[in-house]
Amino acid sequence: MQSYVIHFIRHGDIEDTLKGKYIGTTDVPLSEIGKRNLREYDSKYIYPGTQVVFTSPLKRCTETAKILYPDQTPLVIDQLSECCFGEWENKSAEELKGNPDFENGLQALPM
């Protein structure tokens, strides 16, 4: 039986998460810091070689794949997209203060 090694690599930084926003399905590109960090990590560390690169359709993921594996044509898989945060999507904790669902969710988190 054939076996495979699968590596999961998180996309680079985006401006909105650096601002503390909950970003799931919002399709935003990598930040300049994110691009720079990916290139820096690529020169410092050895990313695993691969025959196939799979990515979500989100810009931040396809851009990450192209930076790390420039000679590959990533296969875009819609089902790899992140979840939607619903009414929390694209908002920060500061913006959600006073939202009872958010406040209740925070109280349920272990401290």
N, C-alpha and C. Protein backbone atom coordinates (compact mmCIF):
# COMPACT_ATOMS: atom_id res chain seq x y z
N MET A 1 0.85 -1.17 0.00
CA MET A 1 0.00 0.00 0.00
C MET A 1 0.90 1.25 0.00
N GLN A 2 0.56 2.20 -0.83
CA GLN A 2 1.30 3.47 -0.94
C GLN A 2 1.01 4.34 0.29
N SER A 3 2.02 4.96 0.83
CA SER A 3 1.81 5.91 1.93
C SER A 3 2.32 7.28 1.49
N TYR A 4 1.83 8.30 2.14
CA TYR A 4 2.17 9.67 1.79
C TYR A 4 2.51 10.45 3.05
N VAL A 5 3.37 11.43 2.90
CA VAL A 5 3.65 12.38 3.97
C VAL A 5 2.99 13.69 3.56
N ILE A 6 2.18 14.21 4.45
CA ILE A 6 1.46 15.46 4.17
C ILE A 6 1.95 16.53 5.14
N HIS A 7 2.33 17.68 4.61
CA HIS A 7 2.76 18.81 5.43
C HIS A 7 1.71 19.90 5.31
N PHE A 8 1.28 20.43 6.44
CA PHE A 8 0.37 21.57 6.44
C PHE A 8 1.19 22.81 6.76
N ILE A 9 1.06 23.82 5.93
CA ILE A 9 1.78 25.08 6.14
C ILE A 9 0.75 26.19 6.19
N ARG A 10 0.78 26.95 7.27
CA ARG A 10 -0.17 28.05 7.42
C ARG A 10 0.25 29.19 6.50
N HIS A 11 -0.73 29.91 6.02
CA HIS A 11 -0.45 31.07 5.17
C HIS A 11 0.30 32.14 5.96
N GLY A 12 0.93 33.05 5.23
CA GLY A 12 1.65 34.16 5.86
C GLY A 12 0.69 35.17 6.48
N ASP A 13 1.27 36.14 7.16
CA ASP A 13 0.48 37.16 7.87
C ASP A 13 -0.35 38.01 6.92
N ILE A 14 -1.49 38.45 7.43
CA ILE A 14 -2.35 39.41 6.72
C ILE A 14 -2.58 40.60 7.63
N GLU A 15 -2.82 41.75 7.04
CA GLU A 15 -3.00 42.99 7.82
C GLU A 15 -4.09 42.87 8.87
N ASP A 16 -5.22 42.27 8.51
CA ASP A 16 -6.37 42.25 9.41
C ASP A 16 -6.12 41.44 10.68
N THR A 17 -5.40 40.31 10.58
CA THR A 17 -5.12 39.57 11.80
C THR A 17 -4.06 40.29 12.64
N LEU A 18 -3.16 41.03 11.99
CA LEU A 18 -2.21 41.84 12.75
C LEU A 18 -2.95 42.93 13.52
N LYS A 19 -4.14 43.30 13.06
CA LYS A 19 -4.98 44.28 13.74
C LYS A 19 -5.93 43.62 14.73
N GLY A 20 -5.83 42.29 14.88
CA GLY A 20 -6.66 41.57 15.85
C GLY A 20 -8.04 41.20 15.35
N LYS A 21 -8.25 41.22 14.05
CA LYS A 21 -9.57 40.89 13.51
C LYS A 21 -9.73 39.39 13.29
N TYR A 22 -10.96 38.93 13.41
CA TYR A 22 -11.30 37.55 13.12
C TYR A 22 -11.52 37.44 11.61
N ILE A 23 -10.64 36.73 10.94
CA ILE A 23 -10.72 36.60 9.49
C ILE A 23 -10.83 35.12 9.14
N GLY A 24 -11.92 34.76 8.51
CA GLY A 24 -12.12 33.39 8.05
C GLY A 24 -12.26 33.40 6.55
N THR A 25 -13.47 33.62 6.08
CA THR A 25 -13.74 33.56 4.64
C THR A 25 -13.48 34.87 3.91
N THR A 26 -13.22 35.94 4.64
CA THR A 26 -12.90 37.20 3.98
C THR A 26 -11.62 36.99 3.17
N ASP A 27 -11.69 37.32 1.89
CA ASP A 27 -10.58 37.03 0.98
C ASP A 27 -9.64 38.21 0.89
N VAL A 28 -8.61 38.19 1.72
CA VAL A 28 -7.64 39.28 1.76
C VAL A 28 -6.26 38.76 1.38
N PRO A 29 -5.43 39.61 0.80
CA PRO A 29 -4.08 39.19 0.40
C PRO A 29 -3.12 39.18 1.58
N LEU A 30 -1.97 38.61 1.36
CA LEU A 30 -0.90 38.67 2.35
C LEU A 30 -0.47 40.11 2.56
N SER A 31 -0.03 40.41 3.76
CA SER A 31 0.55 41.73 4.01
C SER A 31 2.00 41.72 3.49
N GLU A 32 2.58 42.89 3.37
CA GLU A 32 3.98 42.96 2.95
C GLU A 32 4.87 42.26 3.99
N ILE A 33 4.51 42.40 5.26
CA ILE A 33 5.25 41.70 6.32
C ILE A 33 5.13 40.20 6.14
N GLY A 34 3.93 39.74 5.82
CA GLY A 34 3.72 38.32 5.60
C GLY A 34 4.55 37.78 4.45
N LYS A 35 4.60 38.52 3.36
CA LYS A 35 5.41 38.10 2.20
C LYS A 35 6.89 38.07 2.56
N ARG A 36 7.33 39.12 3.24
CA ARG A 36 8.74 39.21 3.64
C ARG A 36 9.11 38.05 4.58
N ASN A 37 8.25 37.78 5.56
CA ASN A 37 8.52 36.70 6.50
C ASN A 37 8.59 35.35 5.81
N LEU A 38 7.68 35.09 4.87
CA LEU A 38 7.70 33.82 4.16
C LEU A 38 9.02 33.66 3.40
N ARG A 39 9.46 34.71 2.74
CA ARG A 39 10.73 34.65 1.99
C ARG A 39 11.91 34.46 2.95
N GLU A 40 11.84 35.14 4.10
CA GLU A 40 12.90 35.01 5.10
C GLU A 40 12.95 33.59 5.66
N TYR A 41 11.78 33.04 6.01
CA TYR A 41 11.73 31.67 6.52
C TYR A 41 12.24 30.69 5.48
N ASP A 42 11.90 30.97 4.21
CA ASP A 42 12.31 30.07 3.14
C ASP A 42 13.83 30.05 2.99
N SER A 43 14.48 31.18 3.29
CA SER A 43 15.94 31.20 3.19
C SER A 43 16.60 30.64 4.46
N LYS A 44 15.93 30.74 5.61
CA LYS A 44 16.47 30.24 6.88
C LYS A 44 16.25 28.74 7.07
N TYR A 45 15.08 28.28 6.68
CA TYR A 45 14.67 26.91 6.92
C TYR A 45 14.45 26.22 5.58
N ILE A 46 14.37 24.94 5.61
CA ILE A 46 14.11 24.21 4.38
C ILE A 46 12.65 23.74 4.41
N TYR A 47 11.85 24.33 3.55
CA TYR A 47 10.48 23.84 3.43
C TYR A 47 10.53 22.48 2.74
N PRO A 48 9.61 21.59 3.10
CA PRO A 48 9.66 20.25 2.51
C PRO A 48 9.42 20.29 1.01
N GLY A 49 10.18 19.48 0.29
CA GLY A 49 9.93 19.35 -1.14
C GLY A 49 8.61 18.64 -1.36
N THR A 50 8.04 18.82 -2.51
CA THR A 50 6.74 18.21 -2.77
C THR A 50 6.52 18.04 -4.27
N GLN A 51 5.69 17.09 -4.59
CA GLN A 51 5.29 16.89 -5.99
C GLN A 51 4.00 17.63 -6.28
N VAL A 52 3.21 17.86 -5.23
CA VAL A 52 1.90 18.50 -5.40
C VAL A 52 1.68 19.49 -4.27
N VAL A 53 1.13 20.65 -4.61
CA VAL A 53 0.76 21.65 -3.61
C VAL A 53 -0.74 21.86 -3.72
N PHE A 54 -1.43 21.68 -2.59
CA PHE A 54 -2.86 21.94 -2.51
C PHE A 54 -3.05 23.23 -1.73
N THR A 55 -4.03 24.02 -2.11
CA THR A 55 -4.29 25.27 -1.40
C THR A 55 -5.79 25.58 -1.42
N SER A 56 -6.18 26.37 -0.46
CA SER A 56 -7.54 26.92 -0.47
C SER A 56 -7.58 27.99 -1.56
N PRO A 57 -8.77 28.41 -1.98
CA PRO A 57 -8.85 29.45 -3.01
C PRO A 57 -8.58 30.86 -2.49
N LEU A 58 -8.44 31.03 -1.19
CA LEU A 58 -8.24 32.37 -0.64
C LEU A 58 -6.89 32.94 -1.05
N LYS A 59 -6.87 34.25 -1.34
CA LYS A 59 -5.67 34.92 -1.85
C LYS A 59 -4.45 34.68 -0.96
N ARG A 60 -4.64 34.79 0.34
CA ARG A 60 -3.50 34.65 1.25
C ARG A 60 -2.87 33.26 1.15
N CYS A 61 -3.69 32.27 0.82
CA CYS A 61 -3.19 30.89 0.71
C CYS A 61 -2.53 30.65 -0.65
N THR A 62 -3.16 31.14 -1.71
CA THR A 62 -2.55 30.94 -3.04
C THR A 62 -1.26 31.73 -3.15
N GLU A 63 -1.21 32.93 -2.55
CA GLU A 63 0.02 33.72 -2.57
C GLU A 63 1.13 33.02 -1.79
N THR A 64 0.78 32.44 -0.65
CA THR A 64 1.77 31.69 0.15
C THR A 64 2.32 30.53 -0.66
N ALA A 65 1.45 29.78 -1.31
CA ALA A 65 1.89 28.63 -2.11
C ALA A 65 2.84 29.07 -3.22
N LYS A 66 2.52 30.19 -3.87
CA LYS A 66 3.37 30.67 -4.97
C LYS A 66 4.73 31.17 -4.49
N ILE A 67 4.76 31.74 -3.29
CA ILE A 67 6.03 32.21 -2.73
C ILE A 67 6.91 31.03 -2.35
N LEU A 68 6.33 30.05 -1.69
CA LEU A 68 7.12 28.92 -1.19
C LEU A 68 7.43 27.88 -2.25
N TYR A 69 6.54 27.74 -3.23
CA TYR A 69 6.71 26.73 -4.28
C TYR A 69 6.50 27.37 -5.65
N PRO A 70 7.39 28.28 -6.05
CA PRO A 70 7.19 29.05 -7.28
C PRO A 70 7.17 28.20 -8.56
N ASP A 71 7.77 27.02 -8.51
CA ASP A 71 7.80 26.17 -9.70
C ASP A 71 6.59 25.23 -9.79
N GLN A 72 5.72 25.28 -8.79
CA GLN A 72 4.54 24.42 -8.77
C GLN A 72 3.31 25.20 -9.20
N THR A 73 2.35 24.49 -9.76
CA THR A 73 1.03 25.07 -10.00
C THR A 73 0.11 24.48 -8.95
N PRO A 74 -0.26 25.28 -7.93
CA PRO A 74 -1.08 24.74 -6.84
C PRO A 74 -2.45 24.25 -7.34
N LEU A 75 -2.91 23.17 -6.75
CA LEU A 75 -4.25 22.68 -7.00
C LEU A 75 -5.17 23.32 -5.97
N VAL A 76 -6.13 24.09 -6.44
CA VAL A 76 -7.03 24.82 -5.55
C VAL A 76 -8.20 23.91 -5.17
N ILE A 77 -8.39 23.76 -3.86
CA ILE A 77 -9.46 22.92 -3.33
C ILE A 77 -10.38 23.81 -2.51
N ASP A 78 -11.60 24.03 -3.00
CA ASP A 78 -12.54 24.92 -2.31
C ASP A 78 -12.79 24.50 -0.86
N GLN A 79 -12.82 23.21 -0.60
CA GLN A 79 -13.12 22.71 0.74
C GLN A 79 -12.02 22.99 1.75
N LEU A 80 -10.88 23.50 1.31
CA LEU A 80 -9.81 23.87 2.24
C LEU A 80 -9.97 25.29 2.78
N SER A 81 -11.01 25.99 2.36
CA SER A 81 -11.24 27.36 2.85
C SER A 81 -11.49 27.35 4.35
N GLU A 82 -11.15 28.45 4.97
CA GLU A 82 -11.38 28.59 6.40
C GLU A 82 -12.87 28.77 6.67
N CYS A 83 -13.23 28.59 7.95
CA CYS A 83 -14.63 28.75 8.34
C CYS A 83 -14.99 30.24 8.40
N CYS A 84 -16.25 30.51 8.34
CA CYS A 84 -16.75 31.88 8.46
C CYS A 84 -17.03 32.15 9.93
N PHE A 85 -16.63 33.30 10.42
CA PHE A 85 -16.88 33.66 11.81
C PHE A 85 -18.25 34.32 11.99
N GLY A 86 -19.08 34.28 10.96
CA GLY A 86 -20.42 34.84 11.06
C GLY A 86 -20.38 36.31 11.37
N GLU A 87 -21.16 36.73 12.36
CA GLU A 87 -21.22 38.16 12.69
C GLU A 87 -19.90 38.68 13.27
N TRP A 88 -18.99 37.78 13.63
CA TRP A 88 -17.68 38.19 14.14
C TRP A 88 -16.69 38.40 13.00
N GLU A 89 -17.03 37.92 11.81
CA GLU A 89 -16.11 37.98 10.67
C GLU A 89 -15.68 39.42 10.39
N ASN A 90 -14.37 39.61 10.26
CA ASN A 90 -13.75 40.89 9.91
C ASN A 90 -13.93 41.95 11.00
N LYS A 91 -14.12 41.49 12.25
CA LYS A 91 -14.23 42.42 13.38
C LYS A 91 -13.23 42.03 14.44
N SER A 92 -12.81 43.01 15.22
CA SER A 92 -11.87 42.76 16.31
C SER A 92 -12.65 42.54 17.61
N ALA A 93 -11.96 42.05 18.63
CA ALA A 93 -12.58 41.86 19.93
C ALA A 93 -13.10 43.20 20.46
N GLU A 94 -12.34 44.26 20.19
CA GLU A 94 -12.76 45.60 20.62
C GLU A 94 -14.10 45.99 19.99
N GLU A 95 -14.26 45.68 18.70
CA GLU A 95 -15.50 46.00 18.00
C GLU A 95 -16.67 45.14 18.48
N LEU A 96 -16.36 43.98 19.05
CA LEU A 96 -17.40 43.05 19.48
C LEU A 96 -17.77 43.19 20.95
N LYS A 97 -17.10 44.09 21.66
CA LYS A 97 -17.46 44.32 23.07
C LYS A 97 -18.92 44.72 23.14
N GLY A 98 -19.62 44.14 24.08
CA GLY A 98 -21.04 44.43 24.23
C GLY A 98 -21.94 43.46 23.48
N ASN A 99 -21.38 42.68 22.58
CA ASN A 99 -22.14 41.65 21.87
C ASN A 99 -22.30 40.47 22.84
N PRO A 100 -23.54 40.15 23.24
CA PRO A 100 -23.74 39.11 24.26
C PRO A 100 -23.17 37.75 23.86
N ASP A 101 -23.31 37.37 22.61
CA ASP A 101 -22.76 36.08 22.18
C ASP A 101 -21.25 36.06 22.30
N PHE A 102 -20.63 37.17 21.95
CA PHE A 102 -19.18 37.26 22.05
C PHE A 102 -18.75 37.25 23.51
N GLU A 103 -19.42 38.05 24.32
CA GLU A 103 -19.09 38.13 25.75
C GLU A 103 -19.26 36.77 26.41
N ASN A 104 -20.33 36.05 26.10
CA ASN A 104 -20.58 34.72 26.67
C ASN A 104 -19.51 33.74 26.21
N GLY A 105 -19.11 33.85 24.95
CA GLY A 105 -18.06 32.98 24.43
C GLY A 105 -16.75 33.21 25.14
N LEU A 106 -16.43 34.46 25.45
CA LEU A 106 -15.19 34.77 26.16
C LEU A 106 -15.21 34.21 27.57
N GLN A 107 -16.38 34.25 28.22
CA GLN A 107 -16.48 33.73 29.57
C GLN A 107 -16.29 32.21 29.61
N ALA A 108 -16.60 31.54 28.50
CA ALA A 108 -16.47 30.09 28.44
C ALA A 108 -15.04 29.65 28.21
N LEU A 109 -14.16 30.58 27.80
CA LEU A 109 -12.77 30.22 27.54
C LEU A 109 -12.03 29.99 28.85
N PRO A 110 -11.18 28.96 28.90
CA PRO A 110 -10.37 28.74 30.11
C PRO A 110 -9.33 29.85 30.26
N MET A 111 -9.12 30.31 31.43
CA MET A 111 -8.14 31.38 31.69
C MET A 111 -6.91 30.81 32.33
